[in-house]
Amino acid sequence: MLKKFAIVLVAILVSAGSADARMSSLSHAHFPTCSDGLVKAICVCRAEGASRSHQLCRSGRYCHTFDGACTQ
């Protein structure tokens, strides 16, 4: 009984983890890319060049495209 419970629990955790990974990879796909400077609407601040660094920026914050970071 305990062995079956452990198998079911592992299966649930693995499926939840893969669903979470899919959602996080798709979450930024629905927002436009920010330009460098003050953000007026929600967008993704992406780093220029080969770096894949990015953050979701809310309005009123500053997008820094050299490193893909949002600051206040």
PDB file of N, CA and C in Angstrom:
ATOM      1  N   MET A   1       0.824  -1.184   0.000  1.00  0.00           N
ATOM      2  CA  MET A   1       0.000   0.000   0.000  1.00  0.00           C
ATOM      3  C   MET A   1       0.875   1.258   0.000  1.00  0.00           C
ATOM      4  N   LEU A   2       1.879   1.297   0.853  1.00  0.00           N
ATOM      5  CA  LEU A   2       2.761   2.451   0.942  1.00  0.00           C
ATOM      6  C   LEU A   2       3.562   2.636  -0.350  1.00  0.00           C
ATOM      7  N   LYS A   3       3.937   1.528  -0.974  1.00  0.00           N
ATOM      8  CA  LYS A   3       4.697   1.589  -2.218  1.00  0.00           C
ATOM      9  C   LYS A   3       3.851   2.189  -3.341  1.00  0.00           C
ATOM     10  N   LYS A   4       2.568   1.806  -3.410  1.00  0.00           N
ATOM     11  CA  LYS A   4       1.665   2.369  -4.421  1.00  0.00           C
ATOM     12  C   LYS A   4       1.464   3.862  -4.199  1.00  0.00           C
ATOM     13  N   PHE A   5       1.314   4.247  -2.937  1.00  0.00           N
ATOM     14  CA  PHE A   5       1.152   5.657  -2.604  1.00  0.00           C
ATOM     15  C   PHE A   5       2.371   6.468  -3.038  1.00  0.00           C
ATOM     16  N   ALA A   6       3.553   5.944  -2.792  1.00  0.00           N
ATOM     17  CA  ALA A   6       4.785   6.631  -3.174  1.00  0.00           C
ATOM     18  C   ALA A   6       4.881   6.771  -4.686  1.00  0.00           C
ATOM     19  N   ILE A   7       4.498   5.759  -5.431  1.00  0.00           N
ATOM     20  CA  ILE A   7       4.546   5.814  -6.894  1.00  0.00           C
ATOM     21  C   ILE A   7       3.568   6.852  -7.425  1.00  0.00           C
ATOM     22  N   VAL A   8       2.360   6.880  -6.869  1.00  0.00           N
ATOM     23  CA  VAL A   8       1.358   7.865  -7.295  1.00  0.00           C
ATOM     24  C   VAL A   8       1.829   9.275  -6.963  1.00  0.00           C
ATOM     25  N   LEU A   9       2.400   9.450  -5.797  1.00  0.00           N
ATOM     26  CA  LEU A   9       2.895  10.766  -5.391  1.00  0.00           C
ATOM     27  C   LEU A   9       4.007  11.252  -6.320  1.00  0.00           C
ATOM     28  N   VAL A  10       4.936  10.386  -6.652  1.00  0.00           N
ATOM     29  CA  VAL A  10       6.017  10.754  -7.571  1.00  0.00           C
ATOM     30  C   VAL A  10       5.448  11.101  -8.938  1.00  0.00           C
ATOM     31  N   ALA A  11       4.485  10.346  -9.423  1.00  0.00           N
ATOM     32  CA  ALA A  11       3.872  10.621 -10.728  1.00  0.00           C
ATOM     33  C   ALA A  11       3.187  11.982 -10.736  1.00  0.00           C
ATOM     34  N   ILE A  12       2.504  12.321  -9.656  1.00  0.00           N
ATOM     35  CA  ILE A  12       1.839  13.628  -9.562  1.00  0.00           C
ATOM     36  C   ILE A  12       2.861  14.749  -9.539  1.00  0.00           C
ATOM     37  N   LEU A  13       3.913  14.598  -8.762  1.00  0.00           N
ATOM     38  CA  LEU A  13       4.933  15.642  -8.677  1.00  0.00           C
ATOM     39  C   LEU A  13       5.656  15.840  -9.999  1.00  0.00           C
ATOM     40  N   VAL A  14       5.951  14.776 -10.712  1.00  0.00           N
ATOM     41  CA  VAL A  14       6.635  14.884 -11.999  1.00  0.00           C
ATOM     42  C   VAL A  14       5.736  15.579 -13.019  1.00  0.00           C
ATOM     43  N   SER A  15       4.464  15.210 -13.065  1.00  0.00           N
ATOM     44  CA  SER A  15       3.561  15.837 -14.028  1.00  0.00           C
ATOM     45  C   SER A  15       3.330  17.302 -13.685  1.00  0.00           C
ATOM     46  N   ALA A  16       3.237  17.642 -12.407  1.00  0.00           N
ATOM     47  CA  ALA A  16       3.065  19.037 -12.004  1.00  0.00           C
ATOM     48  C   ALA A  16       4.309  19.842 -12.329  1.00  0.00           C
ATOM     49  N   GLY A  17       5.476  19.268 -12.161  1.00  0.00           N
ATOM     50  CA  GLY A  17       6.718  19.968 -12.472  1.00  0.00           C
ATOM     51  C   GLY A  17       6.865  20.236 -13.957  1.00  0.00           C
ATOM     52  N   SER A  18       6.480  19.281 -14.784  1.00  0.00           N
ATOM     53  CA  SER A  18       6.584  19.495 -16.223  1.00  0.00           C
ATOM     54  C   SER A  18       5.555  20.505 -16.699  1.00  0.00           C
ATOM     55  N   ALA A  19       4.371  20.526 -16.103  1.00  0.00           N
ATOM     56  CA  ALA A  19       3.354  21.520 -16.463  1.00  0.00           C
ATOM     57  C   ALA A  19       3.824  22.910 -16.062  1.00  0.00           C
ATOM     58  N   ASP A  20       4.451  23.025 -14.888  1.00  0.00           N
ATOM     59  CA  ASP A  20       4.975  24.314 -14.446  1.00  0.00           C
ATOM     60  C   ASP A  20       6.076  24.795 -15.374  1.00  0.00           C
ATOM     61  N   ALA A  21       6.933  23.919 -15.829  1.00  0.00           N
ATOM     62  CA  ALA A  21       8.006  24.295 -16.745  1.00  0.00           C
ATOM     63  C   ALA A  21       7.433  24.774 -18.076  1.00  0.00           C
ATOM     64  N   ARG A  22       6.389  24.129 -18.554  1.00  0.00           N
ATOM     65  CA  ARG A  22       5.757  24.569 -19.809  1.00  0.00           C
ATOM     66  C   ARG A  22       5.146  25.938 -19.639  1.00  0.00           C
ATOM     67  N   MET A  23       4.484  26.190 -18.512  1.00  0.00           N
ATOM     68  CA  MET A  23       3.842  27.479 -18.288  1.00  0.00           C
ATOM     69  C   MET A  23       4.866  28.595 -18.175  1.00  0.00           C
ATOM     70  N   SER A  24       5.982  28.362 -17.505  1.00  0.00           N
ATOM     71  CA  SER A  24       6.981  29.413 -17.354  1.00  0.00           C
ATOM     72  C   SER A  24       7.654  29.728 -18.684  1.00  0.00           C
ATOM     73  N   SER A  25       7.807  28.744 -19.552  1.00  0.00           N
ATOM     74  CA  SER A  25       8.424  29.011 -20.845  1.00  0.00           C
ATOM     75  C   SER A  25       7.472  29.751 -21.760  1.00  0.00           C
ATOM     76  N   LEU A  26       6.163  29.591 -21.575  1.00  0.00           N
ATOM     77  CA  LEU A  26       5.186  30.255 -22.426  1.00  0.00           C
ATOM     78  C   LEU A  26       4.723  31.589 -21.862  1.00  0.00           C
ATOM     79  N   SER A  27       4.960  31.855 -20.598  1.00  0.00           N
ATOM     80  CA  SER A  27       4.402  33.046 -19.971  1.00  0.00           C
ATOM     81  C   SER A  27       4.905  34.337 -20.593  1.00  0.00           C
ATOM     82  N   HIS A  28       6.148  34.393 -21.042  1.00  0.00           N
ATOM     83  CA  HIS A  28       6.682  35.607 -21.635  1.00  0.00           C
ATOM     84  C   HIS A  28       6.335  35.731 -23.114  1.00  0.00           C
ATOM     85  N   ALA A  29       5.832  34.673 -23.726  1.00  0.00           N
ATOM     86  CA  ALA A  29       5.540  34.691 -25.152  1.00  0.00           C
ATOM     87  C   ALA A  29       4.357  35.596 -25.484  1.00  0.00           C
ATOM     88  N   HIS A  30       3.509  35.913 -24.534  1.00  0.00           N
ATOM     89  CA  HIS A  30       2.304  36.686 -24.787  1.00  0.00           C
ATOM     90  C   HIS A  30       2.501  38.191 -24.618  1.00  0.00           C
ATOM     91  N   PHE A  31       3.669  38.618 -24.230  1.00  0.00           N
ATOM     92  CA  PHE A  31       3.924  40.035 -23.995  1.00  0.00           C
ATOM     93  C   PHE A  31       4.897  40.585 -25.027  1.00  0.00           C
ATOM     94  N   PRO A  32       4.735  41.853 -25.414  1.00  0.00           N
ATOM     95  CA  PRO A  32       5.694  42.459 -26.350  1.00  0.00           C
ATOM     96  C   PRO A  32       7.043  42.687 -25.681  1.00  0.00           C
ATOM     97  N   THR A  33       8.055  42.903 -26.481  1.00  0.00           N
ATOM     98  CA  THR A  33       9.399  43.181 -25.971  1.00  0.00           C
ATOM     99  C   THR A  33       9.528  44.674 -25.663  1.00  0.00           C
ATOM    100  N   CYS A  34      10.115  44.999 -24.519  1.00  0.00           N
ATOM    101  CA  CYS A  34      10.319  46.393 -24.114  1.00  0.00           C
ATOM    102  C   CYS A  34      11.462  47.018 -24.900  1.00  0.00           C
ATOM    103  N   SER A  35      11.384  48.316 -25.053  1.00  0.00           N
ATOM    104  CA  SER A  35      12.544  49.053 -25.538  1.00  0.00           C
ATOM    105  C   SER A  35      13.295  49.558 -24.309  1.00  0.00           C
ATOM    106  N   ASP A  36      14.519  50.002 -24.486  1.00  0.00           N
ATOM    107  CA  ASP A  36      15.328  50.473 -23.373  1.00  0.00           C
ATOM    108  C   ASP A  36      14.712  51.746 -22.795  1.00  0.00           C
ATOM    109  N   GLY A  37      14.556  51.803 -21.481  1.00  0.00           N
ATOM    110  CA  GLY A  37      14.029  52.998 -20.827  1.00  0.00           C
ATOM    111  C   GLY A  37      12.767  52.728 -20.033  1.00  0.00           C
ATOM    112  N   LEU A  38      11.981  53.795 -19.796  1.00  0.00           N
ATOM    113  CA  LEU A  38      10.770  53.723 -18.980  1.00  0.00           C
ATOM    114  C   LEU A  38       9.702  52.893 -19.684  1.00  0.00           C
ATOM    115  N   VAL A  39       9.100  51.974 -18.948  1.00  0.00           N
ATOM    116  CA  VAL A  39       8.074  51.080 -19.491  1.00  0.00           C
ATOM    117  C   VAL A  39       6.702  51.687 -19.238  1.00  0.00           C
ATOM    118  N   LYS A  40       5.858  51.698 -20.274  1.00  0.00           N
ATOM    119  CA  LYS A  40       4.509  52.265 -20.148  1.00  0.00           C
ATOM    120  C   LYS A  40       3.435  51.193 -20.068  1.00  0.00           C
ATOM    121  N   ALA A  41       3.749  49.964 -20.452  1.00  0.00           N
ATOM    122  CA  ALA A  41       2.813  48.837 -20.372  1.00  0.00           C
ATOM    123  C   ALA A  41       3.619  47.576 -20.070  1.00  0.00           C
ATOM    124  N   ILE A  42       2.970  46.534 -19.581  1.00  0.00           N
ATOM    125  CA  ILE A  42       3.669  45.289 -19.254  1.00  0.00           C
ATOM    126  C   ILE A  42       4.329  44.726 -20.513  1.00  0.00           C
ATOM    127  N   CYS A  43       5.616  44.400 -20.397  1.00  0.00           N
ATOM    128  CA  CYS A  43       6.375  43.854 -21.515  1.00  0.00           C
ATOM    129  C   CYS A  43       7.556  43.040 -20.986  1.00  0.00           C
ATOM    130  N   VAL A  44       8.252  42.373 -21.894  1.00  0.00           N
ATOM    131  CA  VAL A  44       9.409  41.561 -21.526  1.00  0.00           C
ATOM    132  C   VAL A  44      10.670  42.347 -21.844  1.00  0.00           C
ATOM    133  N   CYS A  45      11.513  42.531 -20.847  1.00  0.00           N
ATOM    134  CA  CYS A  45      12.787  43.214 -21.015  1.00  0.00           C
ATOM    135  C   CYS A  45      13.841  42.157 -21.334  1.00  0.00           C
ATOM    136  N   ARG A  46      14.275  42.104 -22.572  1.00  0.00           N
ATOM    137  CA  ARG A  46      15.236  41.094 -23.026  1.00  0.00           C
ATOM    138  C   ARG A  46      16.620  41.716 -23.164  1.00  0.00           C
ATOM    139  N   ALA A  47      17.625  40.941 -22.818  1.00  0.00           N
ATOM    140  CA  ALA A  47      19.007  41.394 -22.984  1.00  0.00           C
ATOM    141  C   ALA A  47      19.380  41.342 -24.462  1.00  0.00           C
ATOM    142  N   GLU A  48      20.151  42.315 -24.905  1.00  0.00           N
ATOM    143  CA  GLU A  48      20.654  42.316 -26.276  1.00  0.00           C
ATOM    144  C   GLU A  48      21.798  41.321 -26.392  1.00  0.00           C
ATOM    145  N   GLY A  49      22.062  40.869 -27.574  1.00  0.00           N
ATOM    146  CA  GLY A  49      23.187  39.973 -27.811  1.00  0.00           C
ATOM    147  C   GLY A  49      22.853  38.523 -27.554  1.00  0.00           C
ATOM    148  N   ALA A  50      23.861  37.744 -27.233  1.00  0.00           N
ATOM    149  CA  ALA A  50      23.724  36.293 -27.091  1.00  0.00           C
ATOM    150  C   ALA A  50      23.087  35.880 -25.766  1.00  0.00           C
ATOM    151  N   SER A  51      23.054  36.765 -24.787  1.00  0.00           N
ATOM    152  CA  SER A  51      22.494  36.419 -23.487  1.00  0.00           C
ATOM    153  C   SER A  51      20.992  36.181 -23.604  1.00  0.00           C
ATOM    154  N   ARG A  52      20.499  35.201 -22.890  1.00  0.00           N
ATOM    155  CA  ARG A  52      19.062  34.893 -22.923  1.00  0.00           C
ATOM    156  C   ARG A  52      18.367  35.438 -21.681  1.00  0.00           C
ATOM    157  N   SER A  53      18.978  36.358 -20.989  1.00  0.00           N
ATOM    158  CA  SER A  53      18.412  36.906 -19.774  1.00  0.00           C
ATOM    159  C   SER A  53      17.216  37.796 -20.104  1.00  0.00           C
ATOM    160  N   HIS A  54      16.129  37.671 -19.328  1.00  0.00           N
ATOM    161  CA  HIS A  54      14.959  38.517 -19.523  1.00  0.00           C
ATOM    162  C   HIS A  54      14.106  38.528 -18.258  1.00  0.00           C
ATOM    163  N   GLN A  55      13.334  39.604 -18.134  1.00  0.00           N
ATOM    164  CA  GLN A  55      12.419  39.761 -17.006  1.00  0.00           C
ATOM    165  C   GLN A  55      11.129  40.383 -17.513  1.00  0.00           C
ATOM    166  N   LEU A  56      10.044  40.148 -16.815  1.00  0.00           N
ATOM    167  CA  LEU A  56       8.775  40.782 -17.114  1.00  0.00           C
ATOM    168  C   LEU A  56       8.752  42.126 -16.402  1.00  0.00           C
ATOM    169  N   CYS A  57       8.537  43.207 -17.160  1.00  0.00           N
ATOM    170  CA  CYS A  57       8.520  44.566 -16.600  1.00  0.00           C
ATOM    171  C   CYS A  57       7.097  45.093 -16.517  1.00  0.00           C
ATOM    172  N   ARG A  58       6.773  45.740 -15.434  1.00  0.00           N
ATOM    173  CA  ARG A  58       5.473  46.396 -15.278  1.00  0.00           C
ATOM    174  C   ARG A  58       5.632  47.885 -15.566  1.00  0.00           C
ATOM    175  N   SER A  59       4.535  48.572 -15.830  1.00  0.00           N
ATOM    176  CA  SER A  59       4.602  49.994 -16.159  1.00  0.00           C
ATOM    177  C   SER A  59       5.202  50.782 -14.996  1.00  0.00           C
ATOM    178  N   GLY A  60       5.947  51.814 -15.322  1.00  0.00           N
ATOM    179  CA  GLY A  60       6.607  52.641 -14.318  1.00  0.00           C
ATOM    180  C   GLY A  60       8.003  52.185 -13.947  1.00  0.00           C
ATOM    181  N   ARG A  61       8.444  51.067 -14.463  1.00  0.00           N
ATOM    182  CA  ARG A  61       9.797  50.566 -14.198  1.00  0.00           C
ATOM    183  C   ARG A  61      10.683  50.860 -15.399  1.00  0.00           C
ATOM    184  N   TYR A  62      11.980  50.653 -15.258  1.00  0.00           N
ATOM    185  CA  TYR A  62      12.939  50.896 -16.324  1.00  0.00           C
ATOM    186  C   TYR A  62      13.509  49.578 -16.841  1.00  0.00           C
ATOM    187  N   CYS A  63      13.482  49.404 -18.144  1.00  0.00           N
ATOM    188  CA  CYS A  63      14.060  48.225 -18.780  1.00  0.00           C
ATOM    189  C   CYS A  63      15.485  48.563 -19.200  1.00  0.00           C
ATOM    190  N   HIS A  64      16.422  47.723 -18.826  1.00  0.00           N
ATOM    191  CA  HIS A  64      17.824  47.882 -19.213  1.00  0.00           C
ATOM    192  C   HIS A  64      18.162  46.734 -20.167  1.00  0.00           C
ATOM    193  N   THR A  65      18.189  47.019 -21.454  1.00  0.00           N
ATOM    194  CA  THR A  65      18.369  45.955 -22.444  1.00  0.00           C
ATOM    195  C   THR A  65      19.798  45.425 -22.499  1.00  0.00           C
ATOM    196  N   PHE A  66      20.755  46.089 -21.868  1.00  0.00           N
ATOM    197  CA  PHE A  66      22.118  45.545 -21.878  1.00  0.00           C
ATOM    198  C   PHE A  66      22.231  44.275 -21.031  1.00  0.00           C
ATOM    199  N   ASP A  67      21.364  44.145 -19.994  1.00  0.00           N
ATOM    200  CA  ASP A  67      21.408  42.926 -19.171  1.00  0.00           C
ATOM    201  C   ASP A  67      20.033  42.286 -18.983  1.00  0.00           C
ATOM    202  N   GLY A  68      18.974  42.847 -19.573  1.00  0.00           N
ATOM    203  CA  GLY A  68      17.645  42.267 -19.486  1.00  0.00           C
ATOM    204  C   GLY A  68      17.002  42.390 -18.121  1.00  0.00           C
ATOM    205  N   ALA A  69      17.303  43.477 -17.403  1.00  0.00           N
ATOM    206  CA  ALA A  69      16.784  43.653 -16.044  1.00  0.00           C
ATOM    207  C   ALA A  69      15.825  44.827 -15.977  1.00  0.00           C
ATOM    208  N   CYS A  70      14.853  44.740 -15.065  1.00  0.00           N
ATOM    209  CA  CYS A  70      13.910  45.827 -14.782  1.00  0.00           C
ATOM    210  C   CYS A  70      14.229  46.377 -13.408  1.00  0.00           C
ATOM    211  N   THR A  71      14.255  47.685 -13.313  1.00  0.00           N
ATOM    212  CA  THR A  71      14.492  48.326 -12.019  1.00  0.00           C
ATOM    213  C   THR A  71      13.470  49.428 -11.806  1.00  0.00           C
ATOM    214  N   GLN A  72      13.376  49.900 -10.565  1.00  0.00           N
ATOM    215  CA  GLN A  72      12.424  50.973 -10.250  1.00  0.00           C
ATOM    216  C   GLN A  72      12.981  52.316 -10.582  1.00  0.00           C
TER     217      GLN A  72
END
